[in-house]
Amino acid sequence: YADSMKGRFTISRDNAKNTVYLQMNSLKPEGTSVYYCKARYWNY
């Protein structure tokens, strides 16, 4: 995790459902953003 997210955000995945999650708690106004997921697959 990025330092500013440690303790508040949790990333997890369910490979059976082909899904990754981001649980975000104690959200702050500076958390206003577009959130993107990225797959690193065969170096792409």
PDB file of all heavy atoms in Angstrom:
ATOM      1  N   TYR A   1       0.827  -1.202   0.000  1.00  0.00           N
ATOM      2  CA  TYR A   1       0.000   0.000   0.000  1.00  0.00           C
ATOM      3  C   TYR A   1       0.862   1.253   0.000  1.00  0.00           C
ATOM      4  O   TYR A   1       1.955   1.280   0.564  1.00  0.00           O
ATOM      5  CB  TYR A   1      -0.882   0.032   1.255  1.00  0.00           C
ATOM      6  CG  TYR A   1      -1.834  -1.122   1.357  1.00  0.00           C
ATOM      7  CD1 TYR A   1      -1.461  -2.309   1.981  1.00  0.00           C
ATOM      8  CD2 TYR A   1      -3.112  -1.037   0.821  1.00  0.00           C
ATOM      9  CE1 TYR A   1      -2.330  -3.380   2.065  1.00  0.00           C
ATOM     10  CE2 TYR A   1      -4.003  -2.097   0.906  1.00  0.00           C
ATOM     11  CZ  TYR A   1      -3.606  -3.264   1.528  1.00  0.00           C
ATOM     12  OH  TYR A   1      -4.476  -4.317   1.607  1.00  0.00           O
ATOM     13  N   ALA A   2       0.314   2.302  -0.601  1.00  0.00           N
ATOM     14  CA  ALA A   2       0.927   3.609  -0.434  1.00  0.00           C
ATOM     15  C   ALA A   2       0.809   3.996   1.035  1.00  0.00           C
ATOM     16  O   ALA A   2      -0.164   3.643   1.712  1.00  0.00           O
ATOM     17  CB  ALA A   2       0.221   4.635  -1.315  1.00  0.00           C
ATOM     18  N   ASP A   3       1.801   4.719   1.520  1.00  0.00           N
ATOM     19  CA  ASP A   3       1.837   5.037   2.950  1.00  0.00           C
ATOM     20  C   ASP A   3       0.569   5.715   3.434  1.00  0.00           C
ATOM     21  O   ASP A   3       0.068   5.418   4.531  1.00  0.00           O
ATOM     22  CB  ASP A   3       3.049   5.932   3.252  1.00  0.00           C
ATOM     23  CG  ASP A   3       4.362   5.171   3.176  1.00  0.00           C
ATOM     24  OD1 ASP A   3       4.328   3.923   3.207  1.00  0.00           O
ATOM     25  OD2 ASP A   3       5.422   5.818   3.093  1.00  0.00           O
ATOM     26  N   SER A   4       0.019   6.600   2.641  1.00  0.00           N
ATOM     27  CA  SER A   4      -1.141   7.367   3.087  1.00  0.00           C
ATOM     28  C   SER A   4      -2.413   6.527   3.151  1.00  0.00           C
ATOM     29  O   SER A   4      -3.415   6.950   3.737  1.00  0.00           O
ATOM     30  CB  SER A   4      -1.368   8.569   2.164  1.00  0.00           C
ATOM     31  OG  SER A   4      -1.612   8.147   0.842  1.00  0.00           O
ATOM     32  N   MET A   5      -2.380   5.322   2.573  1.00  0.00           N
ATOM     33  CA  MET A   5      -3.548   4.445   2.564  1.00  0.00           C
ATOM     34  C   MET A   5      -3.461   3.300   3.566  1.00  0.00           C
ATOM     35  O   MET A   5      -4.449   2.625   3.816  1.00  0.00           O
ATOM     36  CB  MET A   5      -3.714   3.838   1.163  1.00  0.00           C
ATOM     37  CG  MET A   5      -4.518   4.717   0.200  1.00  0.00           C
ATOM     38  SD  MET A   5      -3.751   6.302  -0.169  1.00  0.00           S
ATOM     39  CE  MET A   5      -3.336   6.152  -1.883  1.00  0.00           C
ATOM     40  N   LYS A   6      -2.268   3.091   4.123  1.00  0.00           N
ATOM     41  CA  LYS A   6      -2.086   1.970   5.045  1.00  0.00           C
ATOM     42  C   LYS A   6      -3.009   2.100   6.246  1.00  0.00           C
ATOM     43  O   LYS A   6      -3.139   3.164   6.834  1.00  0.00           O
ATOM     44  CB  LYS A   6      -0.633   1.914   5.510  1.00  0.00           C
ATOM     45  CG  LYS A   6       0.323   1.406   4.460  1.00  0.00           C
ATOM     46  CD  LYS A   6       1.754   1.378   4.989  1.00  0.00           C
ATOM     47  CE  LYS A   6       2.716   0.892   3.923  1.00  0.00           C
ATOM     48  NZ  LYS A   6       4.123   0.935   4.385  1.00  0.00           N
ATOM     49  N   GLY A   7      -3.638   1.013   6.594  1.00  0.00           N
ATOM     50  CA  GLY A   7      -4.523   0.992   7.746  1.00  0.00           C
ATOM     51  C   GLY A   7      -5.952   1.410   7.442  1.00  0.00           C
ATOM     52  O   GLY A   7      -6.852   1.190   8.260  1.00  0.00           O
ATOM     53  N   ARG A   8      -6.165   2.026   6.265  1.00  0.00           N
ATOM     54  CA  ARG A   8      -7.524   2.456   5.905  1.00  0.00           C
ATOM     55  C   ARG A   8      -8.068   1.707   4.689  1.00  0.00           C
ATOM     56  O   ARG A   8      -9.277   1.502   4.588  1.00  0.00           O
ATOM     57  CB  ARG A   8      -7.542   3.960   5.608  1.00  0.00           C
ATOM     58  CG  ARG A   8      -7.154   4.837   6.788  1.00  0.00           C
ATOM     59  CD  ARG A   8      -7.364   6.312   6.486  1.00  0.00           C
ATOM     60  NE  ARG A   8      -6.548   6.767   5.350  1.00  0.00           N
ATOM     61  CZ  ARG A   8      -7.043   7.253   4.219  1.00  0.00           C
ATOM     62  NH1 ARG A   8      -8.348   7.333   4.036  1.00  0.00           N
ATOM     63  NH2 ARG A   8      -6.224   7.660   3.254  1.00  0.00           N
ATOM     64  N   PHE A   9      -7.186   1.325   3.778  1.00  0.00           N
ATOM     65  CA  PHE A   9      -7.596   0.633   2.544  1.00  0.00           C
ATOM     66  C   PHE A   9      -7.138  -0.821   2.603  1.00  0.00           C
ATOM     67  O   PHE A   9      -6.075  -1.120   3.148  1.00  0.00           O
ATOM     68  CB  PHE A   9      -6.971   1.297   1.319  1.00  0.00           C
ATOM     69  CG  PHE A   9      -7.523   2.667   0.983  1.00  0.00           C
ATOM     70  CD1 PHE A   9      -8.342   3.365   1.859  1.00  0.00           C
ATOM     71  CD2 PHE A   9      -7.201   3.253  -0.228  1.00  0.00           C
ATOM     72  CE1 PHE A   9      -8.832   4.618   1.534  1.00  0.00           C
ATOM     73  CE2 PHE A   9      -7.688   4.507  -0.576  1.00  0.00           C
ATOM     74  CZ  PHE A   9      -8.503   5.192   0.315  1.00  0.00           C
ATOM     75  N   THR A  10      -7.934  -1.690   1.994  1.00  0.00           N
ATOM     76  CA  THR A  10      -7.581  -3.107   1.896  1.00  0.00           C
ATOM     77  C   THR A  10      -7.841  -3.599   0.486  1.00  0.00           C
ATOM     78  O   THR A  10      -8.969  -3.475  -0.015  1.00  0.00           O
ATOM     79  CB  THR A  10      -8.395  -3.949   2.892  1.00  0.00           C
ATOM     80  OG1 THR A  10      -8.180  -3.469   4.218  1.00  0.00           O
ATOM     81  CG2 THR A  10      -7.961  -5.409   2.816  1.00  0.00           C
ATOM     82  N   ILE A  11      -6.802  -4.152  -0.140  1.00  0.00           N
ATOM     83  CA  ILE A  11      -6.953  -4.756  -1.454  1.00  0.00           C
ATOM     84  C   ILE A  11      -7.090  -6.263  -1.275  1.00  0.00           C
ATOM     85  O   ILE A  11      -6.424  -6.864  -0.429  1.00  0.00           O
ATOM     86  CB  ILE A  11      -5.757  -4.407  -2.379  1.00  0.00           C
ATOM     87  CG1 ILE A  11      -6.019  -4.872  -3.806  1.00  0.00           C
ATOM     88  CG2 ILE A  11      -4.443  -4.953  -1.828  1.00  0.00           C
ATOM     89  CD1 ILE A  11      -4.981  -4.357  -4.813  1.00  0.00           C
ATOM     90  N   SER A  12      -7.965  -6.862  -2.062  1.00  0.00           N
ATOM     91  CA  SER A  12      -8.163  -8.313  -2.009  1.00  0.00           C
ATOM     92  C   SER A  12      -8.596  -8.785  -3.389  1.00  0.00           C
ATOM     93  O   SER A  12      -8.907  -7.964  -4.264  1.00  0.00           O
ATOM     94  CB  SER A  12      -9.203  -8.689  -0.952  1.00  0.00           C
ATOM     95  OG  SER A  12     -10.469  -8.123  -1.273  1.00  0.00           O
ATOM     96  N   ARG A  13      -8.609 -10.089  -3.583  1.00  0.00           N
ATOM     97  CA  ARG A  13      -9.008 -10.628  -4.881  1.00  0.00           C
ATOM     98  C   ARG A  13      -9.700 -11.961  -4.704  1.00  0.00           C
ATOM     99  O   ARG A  13      -9.455 -12.687  -3.726  1.00  0.00           O
ATOM    100  CB  ARG A  13      -7.807 -10.760  -5.815  1.00  0.00           C
ATOM    101  CG  ARG A  13      -6.771 -11.774  -5.381  1.00  0.00           C
ATOM    102  CD  ARG A  13      -5.503 -11.654  -6.246  1.00  0.00           C
ATOM    103  NE  ARG A  13      -5.747 -11.965  -7.646  1.00  0.00           N
ATOM    104  CZ  ARG A  13      -4.917 -11.617  -8.636  1.00  0.00           C
ATOM    105  NH1 ARG A  13      -3.808 -10.947  -8.364  1.00  0.00           N
ATOM    106  NH2 ARG A  13      -5.195 -11.941  -9.886  1.00  0.00           N
ATOM    107  N   ASP A  14     -10.541 -12.266  -5.671  1.00  0.00           N
ATOM    108  CA  ASP A  14     -11.208 -13.561  -5.730  1.00  0.00           C
ATOM    109  C   ASP A  14     -10.954 -14.096  -7.131  1.00  0.00           C
ATOM    110  O   ASP A  14     -11.614 -13.686  -8.101  1.00  0.00           O
ATOM    111  CB  ASP A  14     -12.701 -13.407  -5.457  1.00  0.00           C
ATOM    112  CG  ASP A  14     -13.424 -14.729  -5.392  1.00  0.00           C
ATOM    113  OD1 ASP A  14     -12.917 -15.738  -5.933  1.00  0.00           O
ATOM    114  OD2 ASP A  14     -14.524 -14.780  -4.818  1.00  0.00           O
ATOM    115  N   ASN A  15      -9.995 -14.983  -7.259  1.00  0.00           N
ATOM    116  CA  ASN A  15      -9.624 -15.488  -8.580  1.00  0.00           C
ATOM    117  C   ASN A  15     -10.723 -16.345  -9.204  1.00  0.00           C
ATOM    118  O   ASN A  15     -10.802 -16.457 -10.432  1.00  0.00           O
ATOM    119  CB  ASN A  15      -8.314 -16.261  -8.511  1.00  0.00           C
ATOM    120  CG  ASN A  15      -7.116 -15.338  -8.344  1.00  0.00           C
ATOM    121  OD1 ASN A  15      -7.188 -14.131  -8.587  1.00  0.00           O
ATOM    122  ND2 ASN A  15      -5.995 -15.906  -7.902  1.00  0.00           N
ATOM    123  N   ALA A  16     -11.568 -16.914  -8.388  1.00  0.00           N
ATOM    124  CA  ALA A  16     -12.691 -17.687  -8.923  1.00  0.00           C
ATOM    125  C   ALA A  16     -13.716 -16.786  -9.607  1.00  0.00           C
ATOM    126  O   ALA A  16     -14.441 -17.227 -10.505  1.00  0.00           O
ATOM    127  CB  ALA A  16     -13.356 -18.480  -7.809  1.00  0.00           C
ATOM    128  N   LYS A  17     -13.759 -15.526  -9.166  1.00  0.00           N
ATOM    129  CA  LYS A  17     -14.701 -14.555  -9.753  1.00  0.00           C
ATOM    130  C   LYS A  17     -13.999 -13.563 -10.682  1.00  0.00           C
ATOM    131  O   LYS A  17     -14.637 -12.635 -11.189  1.00  0.00           O
ATOM    132  CB  LYS A  17     -15.423 -13.791  -8.639  1.00  0.00           C
ATOM    133  CG  LYS A  17     -16.316 -14.673  -7.782  1.00  0.00           C
ATOM    134  CD  LYS A  17     -17.059 -13.842  -6.745  1.00  0.00           C
ATOM    135  CE  LYS A  17     -17.989 -14.720  -5.923  1.00  0.00           C
ATOM    136  NZ  LYS A  17     -18.716 -13.931  -4.885  1.00  0.00           N
ATOM    137  N   ASN A  18     -12.693 -13.732 -10.872  1.00  0.00           N
ATOM    138  CA  ASN A  18     -11.924 -12.825 -11.734  1.00  0.00           C
ATOM    139  C   ASN A  18     -12.108 -11.368 -11.313  1.00  0.00           C
ATOM    140  O   ASN A  18     -12.272 -10.470 -12.156  1.00  0.00           O
ATOM    141  CB  ASN A  18     -12.332 -12.983 -13.208  1.00  0.00           C
ATOM    142  CG  ASN A  18     -11.879 -14.304 -13.803  1.00  0.00           C
ATOM    143  OD1 ASN A  18     -11.139 -15.065 -13.183  1.00  0.00           O
ATOM    144  ND2 ASN A  18     -12.336 -14.587 -15.005  1.00  0.00           N
ATOM    145  N   THR A  19     -12.045 -11.137 -10.025  1.00  0.00           N
ATOM    146  CA  THR A  19     -12.346  -9.804  -9.504  1.00  0.00           C
ATOM    147  C   THR A  19     -11.340  -9.404  -8.425  1.00  0.00           C
ATOM    148  O   THR A  19     -10.961 -10.232  -7.588  1.00  0.00           O
ATOM    149  CB  THR A  19     -13.770  -9.756  -8.924  1.00  0.00           C
ATOM    150  OG1 THR A  19     -14.714 -10.112  -9.946  1.00  0.00           O
ATOM    151  CG2 THR A  19     -14.110  -8.362  -8.420  1.00  0.00           C
ATOM    152  N   VAL A  20     -10.950  -8.148  -8.468  1.00  0.00           N
ATOM    153  CA  VAL A  20     -10.129  -7.551  -7.417  1.00  0.00           C
ATOM    154  C   VAL A  20     -10.953  -6.451  -6.761  1.00  0.00           C
ATOM    155  O   VAL A  20     -11.752  -5.784  -7.428  1.00  0.00           O
ATOM    156  CB  VAL A  20      -8.795  -7.025  -7.980  1.00  0.00           C
ATOM    157  CG1 VAL A  20      -8.999  -5.918  -9.001  1.00  0.00           C
ATOM    158  CG2 VAL A  20      -7.863  -6.571  -6.871  1.00  0.00           C
ATOM    159  N   TYR A  21     -10.740  -6.287  -5.467  1.00  0.00           N
ATOM    160  CA  TYR A  21     -11.525  -5.336  -4.688  1.00  0.00           C
ATOM    161  C   TYR A  21     -10.622  -4.323  -3.997  1.00  0.00           C
ATOM    162  O   TYR A  21      -9.438  -4.588  -3.743  1.00  0.00           O
ATOM    163  CB  TYR A  21     -12.330  -6.072  -3.607  1.00  0.00           C
ATOM    164  CG  TYR A  21     -13.215  -7.161  -4.136  1.00  0.00           C
ATOM    165  CD1 TYR A  21     -12.793  -8.492  -4.115  1.00  0.00           C
ATOM    166  CD2 TYR A  21     -14.476  -6.879  -4.644  1.00  0.00           C
ATOM    167  CE1 TYR A  21     -13.602  -9.511  -4.600  1.00  0.00           C
ATOM    168  CE2 TYR A  21     -15.292  -7.894  -5.125  1.00  0.00           C
ATOM    169  CZ  TYR A  21     -14.850  -9.192  -5.103  1.00  0.00           C
ATOM    170  OH  TYR A  21     -15.663 -10.194  -5.585  1.00  0.00           O
ATOM    171  N   LEU A  22     -11.190  -3.182  -3.677  1.00  0.00           N
ATOM    172  CA  LEU A  22     -10.516  -2.199  -2.846  1.00  0.00           C
ATOM    173  C   LEU A  22     -11.531  -1.694  -1.819  1.00  0.00           C
ATOM    174  O   LEU A  22     -12.485  -0.984  -2.173  1.00  0.00           O
ATOM    175  CB  LEU A  22      -9.972  -1.030  -3.660  1.00  0.00           C
ATOM    176  CG  LEU A  22      -9.177  -0.008  -2.855  1.00  0.00           C
ATOM    177  CD1 LEU A  22      -7.853  -0.640  -2.361  1.00  0.00           C
ATOM    178  CD2 LEU A  22      -8.874   1.235  -3.686  1.00  0.00           C
ATOM    179  N   GLN A  23     -11.337  -2.113  -0.578  1.00  0.00           N
ATOM    180  CA  GLN A  23     -12.167  -1.629   0.516  1.00  0.00           C
ATOM    181  C   GLN A  23     -11.531  -0.358   1.057  1.00  0.00           C
ATOM    182  O   GLN A  23     -10.368  -0.376   1.465  1.00  0.00           O
ATOM    183  CB  GLN A  23     -12.272  -2.677   1.621  1.00  0.00           C
ATOM    184  CG  GLN A  23     -13.060  -2.222   2.840  1.00  0.00           C
ATOM    185  CD  GLN A  23     -14.525  -2.014   2.545  1.00  0.00           C
ATOM    186  OE1 GLN A  23     -15.151  -2.816   1.875  1.00  0.00           O
ATOM    187  NE2 GLN A  23     -15.084  -0.923   3.075  1.00  0.00           N
ATOM    188  N   MET A  24     -12.283   0.729   1.046  1.00  0.00           N
ATOM    189  CA  MET A  24     -11.768   2.019   1.483  1.00  0.00           C
ATOM    190  C   MET A  24     -12.572   2.491   2.684  1.00  0.00           C
ATOM    191  O   MET A  24     -13.796   2.669   2.586  1.00  0.00           O
ATOM    192  CB  MET A  24     -11.860   3.042   0.346  1.00  0.00           C
ATOM    193  CG  MET A  24     -11.174   2.601  -0.931  1.00  0.00           C
ATOM    194  SD  MET A  24     -11.157   3.876  -2.200  1.00  0.00           S
ATOM    195  CE  MET A  24     -12.901   4.000  -2.580  1.00  0.00           C
ATOM    196  N   ASN A  25     -11.890   2.673   3.798  1.00  0.00           N
ATOM    197  CA  ASN A  25     -12.518   3.148   5.025  1.00  0.00           C
ATOM    198  C   ASN A  25     -11.923   4.501   5.420  1.00  0.00           C
ATOM    199  O   ASN A  25     -10.846   4.872   4.967  1.00  0.00           O
ATOM    200  CB  ASN A  25     -12.301   2.144   6.154  1.00  0.00           C
ATOM    201  CG  ASN A  25     -12.905   0.792   5.861  1.00  0.00           C
ATOM    202  OD1 ASN A  25     -13.937   0.680   5.186  1.00  0.00           O
ATOM    203  ND2 ASN A  25     -12.271  -0.264   6.348  1.00  0.00           N
ATOM    204  N   SER A  26     -12.642   5.207   6.295  1.00  0.00           N
ATOM    205  CA  SER A  26     -12.171   6.503   6.800  1.00  0.00           C
ATOM    206  C   SER A  26     -11.744   7.412   5.659  1.00  0.00           C
ATOM    207  O   SER A  26     -10.655   8.008   5.680  1.00  0.00           O
ATOM    208  CB  SER A  26     -11.010   6.299   7.788  1.00  0.00           C
ATOM    209  OG  SER A  26     -11.395   5.470   8.862  1.00  0.00           O
ATOM    210  N   LEU A  27     -12.592   7.520   4.663  1.00  0.00           N
ATOM    211  CA  LEU A  27     -12.245   8.300   3.482  1.00  0.00           C
ATOM    212  C   LEU A  27     -12.126   9.782   3.812  1.00  0.00           C
ATOM    213  O   LEU A  27     -12.863  10.326   4.640  1.00  0.00           O
ATOM    214  CB  LEU A  27     -13.283   8.088   2.383  1.00  0.00           C
ATOM    215  CG  LEU A  27     -13.124   6.772   1.624  1.00  0.00           C
ATOM    216  CD1 LEU A  27     -14.393   6.406   0.889  1.00  0.00           C
ATOM    217  CD2 LEU A  27     -11.947   6.870   0.654  1.00  0.00           C
ATOM    218  N   LYS A  28     -11.183  10.421   3.127  1.00  0.00           N
ATOM    219  CA  LYS A  28     -10.907  11.836   3.323  1.00  0.00           C
ATOM    220  C   LYS A  28     -11.235  12.605   2.041  1.00  0.00           C
ATOM    221  O   LYS A  28     -11.198  12.017   0.949  1.00  0.00           O
ATOM    222  CB  LYS A  28      -9.429  12.034   3.677  1.00  0.00           C
ATOM    223  CG  LYS A  28      -8.978  11.257   4.900  1.00  0.00           C
ATOM    224  CD  LYS A  28      -7.490  11.416   5.128  1.00  0.00           C
ATOM    225  CE  LYS A  28      -7.022  10.611   6.326  1.00  0.00           C
ATOM    226  NZ  LYS A  28      -5.559  10.746   6.553  1.00  0.00           N
ATOM    227  N   PRO A  29     -11.497  13.898   2.136  1.00  0.00           N
ATOM    228  CA  PRO A  29     -11.806  14.672   0.921  1.00  0.00           C
ATOM    229  C   PRO A  29     -10.711  14.586  -0.129  1.00  0.00           C
ATOM    230  O   PRO A  29     -11.022  14.590  -1.336  1.00  0.00           O
ATOM    231  CB  PRO A  29     -11.955  16.097   1.465  1.00  0.00           C
ATOM    232  CG  PRO A  29     -12.420  15.919   2.871  1.00  0.00           C
ATOM    233  CD  PRO A  29     -11.700  14.694   3.357  1.00  0.00           C
ATOM    234  N   GLU A  30      -9.461  14.454   0.300  1.00  0.00           N
ATOM    235  CA  GLU A  30      -8.369  14.347  -0.669  1.00  0.00           C
ATOM    236  C   GLU A  30      -8.368  13.010  -1.390  1.00  0.00           C
ATOM    237  O   GLU A  30      -7.571  12.795  -2.306  1.00  0.00           O
ATOM    238  CB  GLU A  30      -7.011  14.589   0.002  1.00  0.00           C
ATOM    239  CG  GLU A  30      -6.745  13.737   1.208  1.00  0.00           C
ATOM    240  CD  GLU A  30      -7.095  14.448   2.514  1.00  0.00           C
ATOM    241  OE1 GLU A  30      -8.115  15.170   2.549  1.00  0.00           O
ATOM    242  OE2 GLU A  30      -6.342  14.264   3.501  1.00  0.00           O
ATOM    243  N   GLY A  31      -9.233  12.130  -0.994  1.00  0.00           N
ATOM    244  CA  GLY A  31      -9.404  10.864  -1.698  1.00  0.00           C
ATOM    245  C   GLY A  31     -10.281  10.984  -2.924  1.00  0.00           C
ATOM    246  O   GLY A  31     -10.466  10.005  -3.648  1.00  0.00           O
ATOM    247  N   THR A  32     -10.820  12.149  -3.178  1.00  0.00           N
ATOM    248  CA  THR A  32     -11.622  12.378  -4.377  1.00  0.00           C
ATOM    249  C   THR A  32     -10.752  12.219  -5.615  1.00  0.00           C
ATOM    250  O   THR A  32      -9.794  12.960  -5.803  1.00  0.00           O
ATOM    251  CB  THR A  32     -12.248  13.787  -4.352  1.00  0.00           C
ATOM    252  OG1 THR A  32     -13.162  13.865  -3.254  1.00  0.00           O
ATOM    253  CG2 THR A  32     -12.979  14.088  -5.646  1.00  0.00           C
ATOM    254  N   SER A  33     -11.068  11.212  -6.421  1.00  0.00           N
ATOM    255  CA  SER A  33     -10.246  10.867  -7.575  1.00  0.00           C
ATOM    256  C   SER A  33     -11.022   9.922  -8.474  1.00  0.00           C
ATOM    257  O   SER A  33     -12.044   9.360  -8.063  1.00  0.00           O
ATOM    258  CB  SER A  33      -8.968  10.130  -7.144  1.00  0.00           C
ATOM    259  OG  SER A  33      -8.131  10.916  -6.350  1.00  0.00           O
ATOM    260  N   VAL A  34     -10.482   9.700  -9.643  1.00  0.00           N
ATOM    261  CA  VAL A  34     -10.894   8.560 -10.450  1.00  0.00           C
ATOM    262  C   VAL A  34      -9.984   7.403 -10.063  1.00  0.00           C
ATOM    263  O   VAL A  34      -8.756   7.554 -10.044  1.00  0.00           O
ATOM    264  CB  VAL A  34     -10.798   8.850 -11.950  1.00  0.00           C
ATOM    265  CG1 VAL A  34     -11.194   7.616 -12.747  1.00  0.00           C
ATOM    266  CG2 VAL A  34     -11.683  10.027 -12.325  1.00  0.00           C
ATOM    267  N   TYR A  35     -10.587   6.271  -9.721  1.00  0.00           N
ATOM    268  CA  TYR A  35      -9.841   5.097  -9.308  1.00  0.00           C
ATOM    269  C   TYR A  35      -9.805   4.097 -10.465  1.00  0.00           C
ATOM    270  O   TYR A  35     -10.849   3.774 -11.037  1.00  0.00           O
ATOM    271  CB  TYR A  35     -10.474   4.475  -8.072  1.00  0.00           C
ATOM    272  CG  TYR A  35     -10.187   5.264  -6.818  1.00  0.00           C
ATOM    273  CD1 TYR A  35     -10.812   6.486  -6.590  1.00  0.00           C
ATOM    274  CD2 TYR A  35      -9.283   4.801  -5.868  1.00  0.00           C
ATOM    275  CE1 TYR A  35     -10.532   7.238  -5.452  1.00  0.00           C
ATOM    276  CE2 TYR A  35      -9.002   5.533  -4.725  1.00  0.00           C
ATOM    277  CZ  TYR A  35      -9.628   6.755  -4.521  1.00  0.00           C
ATOM    278  OH  TYR A  35      -9.348   7.495  -3.401  1.00  0.00           O
ATOM    279  N   TYR A  36      -8.587   3.620 -10.755  1.00  0.00           N
ATOM    280  CA  TYR A  36      -8.371   2.709 -11.872  1.00  0.00           C
ATOM    281  C   TYR A  36      -7.790   1.397 -11.369  1.00  0.00           C
ATOM    282  O   TYR A  36      -6.964   1.390 -10.442  1.00  0.00           O
ATOM    283  CB  TYR A  36      -7.364   3.291 -12.855  1.00  0.00           C
ATOM    284  CG  TYR A  36      -7.764   4.591 -13.499  1.00  0.00           C
ATOM    285  CD1 TYR A  36      -7.430   5.801 -12.908  1.00  0.00           C
ATOM    286  CD2 TYR A  36      -8.444   4.606 -14.714  1.00  0.00           C
ATOM    287  CE1 TYR A  36      -7.784   7.008 -13.505  1.00  0.00           C
ATOM    288  CE2 TYR A  36      -8.793   5.800 -15.321  1.00  0.00           C
ATOM    289  CZ  TYR A  36      -8.463   6.996 -14.714  1.00  0.00           C
ATOM    290  OH  TYR A  36      -8.805   8.187 -15.304  1.00  0.00           O
ATOM    291  N   CYS A  37      -8.175   0.300 -11.987  1.00  0.00           N
ATOM    292  CA  CYS A  37      -7.457  -0.935 -11.706  1.00  0.00           C
ATOM    293  C   CYS A  37      -6.542  -1.242 -12.884  1.00  0.00           C
ATOM    294  O   CYS A  37      -6.798  -0.825 -14.024  1.00  0.00           O
ATOM    295  CB  CYS A  37      -8.396  -2.097 -11.392  1.00  0.00           C
ATOM    296  SG  CYS A  37      -9.285  -2.786 -12.770  1.00  0.00           S
ATOM    297  N   LYS A  38      -5.473  -1.934 -12.572  1.00  0.00           N
ATOM    298  CA  LYS A  38      -4.474  -2.294 -13.566  1.00  0.00           C
ATOM    299  C   LYS A  38      -4.100  -3.754 -13.404  1.00  0.00           C
ATOM    300  O   LYS A  38      -3.916  -4.241 -12.286  1.00  0.00           O
ATOM    301  CB  LYS A  38      -3.218  -1.435 -13.396  1.00  0.00           C
ATOM    302  CG  LYS A  38      -2.180  -1.644 -14.487  1.00  0.00           C
ATOM    303  CD  LYS A  38      -0.860  -0.998 -14.117  1.00  0.00           C
ATOM    304  CE  LYS A  38      -0.046  -1.888 -13.204  1.00  0.00           C
ATOM    305  NZ  LYS A  38       1.333  -1.368 -12.988  1.00  0.00           N
ATOM    306  N   ALA A  39      -3.980  -4.445 -14.519  1.00  0.00           N
ATOM    307  CA  ALA A  39      -3.495  -5.824 -14.542  1.00  0.00           C
ATOM    308  C   ALA A  39      -2.104  -5.842 -15.146  1.00  0.00           C
ATOM    309  O   ALA A  39      -1.884  -5.269 -16.215  1.00  0.00           O
ATOM    310  CB  ALA A  39      -4.432  -6.708 -15.358  1.00  0.00           C
ATOM    311  N   ARG A  40      -1.183  -6.457 -14.464  1.00  0.00           N
ATOM    312  CA  ARG A  40       0.160  -6.679 -14.990  1.00  0.00           C
ATOM    313  C   ARG A  40       0.226  -8.124 -15.447  1.00  0.00           C
ATOM    314  O   ARG A  40       0.290  -9.035 -14.623  1.00  0.00           O
ATOM    315  CB  ARG A  40       1.190  -6.405 -13.915  1.00  0.00           C
ATOM    316  CG  ARG A  40       2.636  -6.615 -14.368  1.00  0.00           C
ATOM    317  CD  ARG A  40       3.169  -5.399 -15.029  1.00  0.00           C
ATOM    318  NE  ARG A  40       4.604  -5.466 -15.267  1.00  0.00           N
ATOM    319  CZ  ARG A  40       5.245  -4.658 -16.075  1.00  0.00           C
ATOM    320  NH1 ARG A  40       4.595  -3.702 -16.719  1.00  0.00           N
ATOM    321  NH2 ARG A  40       6.542  -4.772 -16.250  1.00  0.00           N
ATOM    322  N   TYR A  41       0.184  -8.332 -16.761  1.00  0.00           N
ATOM    323  CA  TYR A  41       0.045  -9.681 -17.310  1.00  0.00           C
ATOM    324  C   TYR A  41       1.072  -9.887 -18.391  1.00  0.00           C
ATOM    325  O   TYR A  41       1.085  -9.164 -19.386  1.00  0.00           O
ATOM    326  CB  TYR A  41      -1.376  -9.852 -17.859  1.00  0.00           C
ATOM    327  CG  TYR A  41      -1.720 -11.238 -18.313  1.00  0.00           C
ATOM    328  CD1 TYR A  41      -1.770 -12.292 -17.425  1.00  0.00           C
ATOM    329  CD2 TYR A  41      -2.016 -11.504 -19.659  1.00  0.00           C
ATOM    330  CE1 TYR A  41      -2.093 -13.566 -17.841  1.00  0.00           C
ATOM    331  CE2 TYR A  41      -2.347 -12.772 -20.079  1.00  0.00           C
ATOM    332  CZ  TYR A  41      -2.386 -13.803 -19.169  1.00  0.00           C
ATOM    333  OH  TYR A  41      -2.715 -15.064 -19.576  1.00  0.00           O
ATOM    334  N   TRP A  42       1.978 -10.868 -18.184  1.00  0.00           N
ATOM    335  CA  TRP A  42       3.046 -11.129 -19.135  1.00  0.00           C
ATOM    336  C   TRP A  42       3.789  -9.837 -19.490  1.00  0.00           C
ATOM    337  O   TRP A  42       4.060  -9.566 -20.665  1.00  0.00           O
ATOM    338  CB  TRP A  42       2.496 -11.797 -20.404  1.00  0.00           C
ATOM    339  CG  TRP A  42       2.145 -13.218 -20.182  1.00  0.00           C
ATOM    340  CD1 TRP A  42       0.923 -13.715 -19.859  1.00  0.00           C
ATOM    341  CD2 TRP A  42       3.025 -14.347 -20.232  1.00  0.00           C
ATOM    342  NE1 TRP A  42       0.982 -15.078 -19.718  1.00  0.00           N
ATOM    343  CE2 TRP A  42       2.263 -15.501 -19.941  1.00  0.00           C
ATOM    344  CE3 TRP A  42       4.385 -14.494 -20.508  1.00  0.00           C
ATOM    345  CZ2 TRP A  42       2.824 -16.777 -19.904  1.00  0.00           C
ATOM    346  CZ3 TRP A  42       4.923 -15.771 -20.467  1.00  0.00           C
ATOM    347  CH2 TRP A  42       4.149 -16.885 -20.170  1.00  0.00           C
ATOM    348  N   ASN A  43       4.111  -9.053 -18.448  1.00  0.00           N
ATOM    349  CA  ASN A  43       4.897  -7.826 -18.573  1.00  0.00           C
ATOM    350  C   ASN A  43       4.222  -6.709 -19.350  1.00  0.00           C
ATOM    351  O   ASN A  43       4.861  -5.732 -19.721  1.00  0.00           O
ATOM    352  CB  ASN A  43       6.276  -8.108 -19.179  1.00  0.00           C
ATOM    353  CG  ASN A  43       7.186  -8.849 -18.224  1.00  0.00           C
ATOM    354  OD1 ASN A  43       7.102  -8.662 -17.013  1.00  0.00           O
ATOM    355  ND2 ASN A  43       8.029  -9.709 -18.761  1.00  0.00           N
ATOM    356  N   TYR A  44       2.923  -6.835 -19.575  1.00  0.00           N
ATOM    357  CA  TYR A  44       2.141  -5.748 -20.156  1.00  0.00           C
ATOM    358  C   TYR A  44       1.162  -5.235 -19.103  1.00  0.00           C
ATOM    359  O   TYR A  44       0.659  -6.013 -18.284  1.00  0.00           O
ATOM    360  CB  TYR A  44       1.356  -6.210 -21.391  1.00  0.00           C
ATOM    361  CG  TYR A  44       2.221  -6.359 -22.622  1.00  0.00           C
ATOM    362  CD1 TYR A  44       2.830  -7.571 -22.926  1.00  0.00           C
ATOM    363  CD2 TYR A  44       2.429  -5.290 -23.486  1.00  0.00           C
ATOM    364  CE1 TYR A  44       3.613  -7.721 -24.052  1.00  0.00           C
ATOM    365  CE2 TYR A  44       3.209  -5.428 -24.616  1.00  0.00           C
ATOM    366  CZ  TYR A  44       3.807  -6.651 -24.884  1.00  0.00           C
ATOM    367  OH  TYR A  44       4.594  -6.793 -26.004  1.00  0.00           O
TER     368      TYR A  44
END
